Amino acid sequence: MAEQNDIAWKPILYCVGAGIAGIALGTFLVAPMVQKMKAKKLAEKKKTAITSPTKK
């Protein structure tokens, strides 16, 4: 058996850590921003749908 460790753990752990950080970043920062934008668009769409019949 070889005395040295054959697997390079540093790059693997770096990739795993980066993936976890990316998921956390997407969950806590990007998702709420996207949700706000969708809600804003939806509110704007509802607003124009309500005001458009009276504009005739």
C-alpha atoms as a PDB file:
ATOM      1  CA  MET A   1       0.000   0.000   0.000  1.00  0.00           C
ATOM      2  CA  ALA A   2       1.151   3.503  -0.714  1.00  0.00           C
ATOM      3  CA  GLU A   3       2.070   5.695   2.221  1.00  0.00           C
ATOM      4  CA  GLN A   4       0.949   8.892   0.534  1.00  0.00           C
ATOM      5  CA  ASN A   5      -2.668   9.862   0.090  1.00  0.00           C
ATOM      6  CA  ASP A   6      -3.598   9.308  -3.554  1.00  0.00           C
ATOM      7  CA  ILE A   7      -6.644  11.572  -3.552  1.00  0.00           C
ATOM      8  CA  ALA A   8      -6.156  15.332  -3.793  1.00  0.00           C
ATOM      9  CA  TRP A   9      -8.736  16.480  -1.261  1.00  0.00           C
ATOM     10  CA  LYS A  10      -8.074  20.238  -1.444  1.00  0.00           C
ATOM     11  CA  PRO A  11      -9.544  20.755  -4.952  1.00  0.00           C
ATOM     12  CA  ILE A  12     -12.468  18.458  -4.183  1.00  0.00           C
ATOM     13  CA  LEU A  13     -13.297  20.272  -0.949  1.00  0.00           C
ATOM     14  CA  TYR A  14     -12.850  23.616  -2.703  1.00  0.00           C
ATOM     15  CA  CYS A  15     -15.400  22.626  -5.361  1.00  0.00           C
ATOM     16  CA  VAL A  16     -17.820  21.282  -2.755  1.00  0.00           C
ATOM     17  CA  GLY A  17     -17.465  24.440  -0.681  1.00  0.00           C
ATOM     18  CA  ALA A  18     -17.987  26.646  -3.727  1.00  0.00           C
ATOM     19  CA  GLY A  19     -21.105  24.670  -4.632  1.00  0.00           C
ATOM     20  CA  ILE A  20     -22.548  25.007  -1.123  1.00  0.00           C
ATOM     21  CA  ALA A  21     -21.724  28.722  -1.110  1.00  0.00           C
ATOM     22  CA  GLY A  22     -23.422  29.128  -4.500  1.00  0.00           C
ATOM     23  CA  ILE A  23     -26.569  27.381  -3.298  1.00  0.00           C
ATOM     24  CA  ALA A  24     -26.647  29.500  -0.135  1.00  0.00           C
ATOM     25  CA  LEU A  25     -26.075  32.685  -2.136  1.00  0.00           C
ATOM     26  CA  GLY A  26     -28.848  31.792  -4.556  1.00  0.00           C
ATOM     27  CA  THR A  27     -31.242  30.874  -1.785  1.00  0.00           C
ATOM     28  CA  PHE A  28     -30.745  33.872   0.469  1.00  0.00           C
ATOM     29  CA  LEU A  29     -29.879  36.675  -1.968  1.00  0.00           C
ATOM     30  CA  VAL A  30     -30.998  35.942  -5.520  1.00  0.00           C
ATOM     31  CA  ALA A  31     -34.312  34.177  -4.842  1.00  0.00           C
ATOM     32  CA  PRO A  32     -35.854  37.026  -2.767  1.00  0.00           C
ATOM     33  CA  MET A  33     -34.798  39.572  -5.408  1.00  0.00           C
ATOM     34  CA  VAL A  34     -36.376  37.504  -8.178  1.00  0.00           C
ATOM     35  CA  GLN A  35     -39.514  37.058  -6.081  1.00  0.00           C
ATOM     36  CA  LYS A  36     -39.751  40.833  -5.545  1.00  0.00           C
ATOM     37  CA  MET A  37     -39.366  41.464  -9.262  1.00  0.00           C
ATOM     38  CA  LYS A  38     -42.087  38.933 -10.089  1.00  0.00           C
ATOM     39  CA  ALA A  39     -44.425  40.452  -7.503  1.00  0.00           C
ATOM     40  CA  LYS A  40     -43.775  43.924  -8.894  1.00  0.00           C
ATOM     41  CA  LYS A  41     -44.499  42.758 -12.450  1.00  0.00           C
ATOM     42  CA  LEU A  42     -47.656  41.001 -11.315  1.00  0.00           C
ATOM     43  CA  ALA A  43     -48.865  44.078  -9.417  1.00  0.00           C
ATOM     44  CA  GLU A  44     -48.153  46.248 -12.450  1.00  0.00           C
ATOM     45  CA  LYS A  45     -50.023  43.819 -14.687  1.00  0.00           C
ATOM     46  CA  LYS A  46     -53.019  43.791 -12.337  1.00  0.00           C
ATOM     47  CA  LYS A  47     -52.935  47.580 -12.144  1.00  0.00           C
ATOM     48  CA  THR A  48     -53.036  47.941 -15.929  1.00  0.00           C
ATOM     49  CA  ALA A  49     -55.757  45.283 -16.178  1.00  0.00           C
ATOM     50  CA  ILE A  50     -57.911  47.207 -13.689  1.00  0.00           C
ATOM     51  CA  THR A  51     -57.340  50.623 -15.261  1.00  0.00           C
ATOM     52  CA  SER A  52     -57.605  49.580 -18.924  1.00  0.00           C
ATOM     53  CA  PRO A  53     -61.418  48.998 -19.075  1.00  0.00           C
ATOM     54  CA  THR A  54     -62.111  52.482 -17.708  1.00  0.00           C
ATOM     55  CA  LYS A  55     -59.769  54.155 -20.221  1.00  0.00           C
ATOM     56  CA  LYS A  56     -61.998  53.331 -23.249  1.00  0.00           C
END
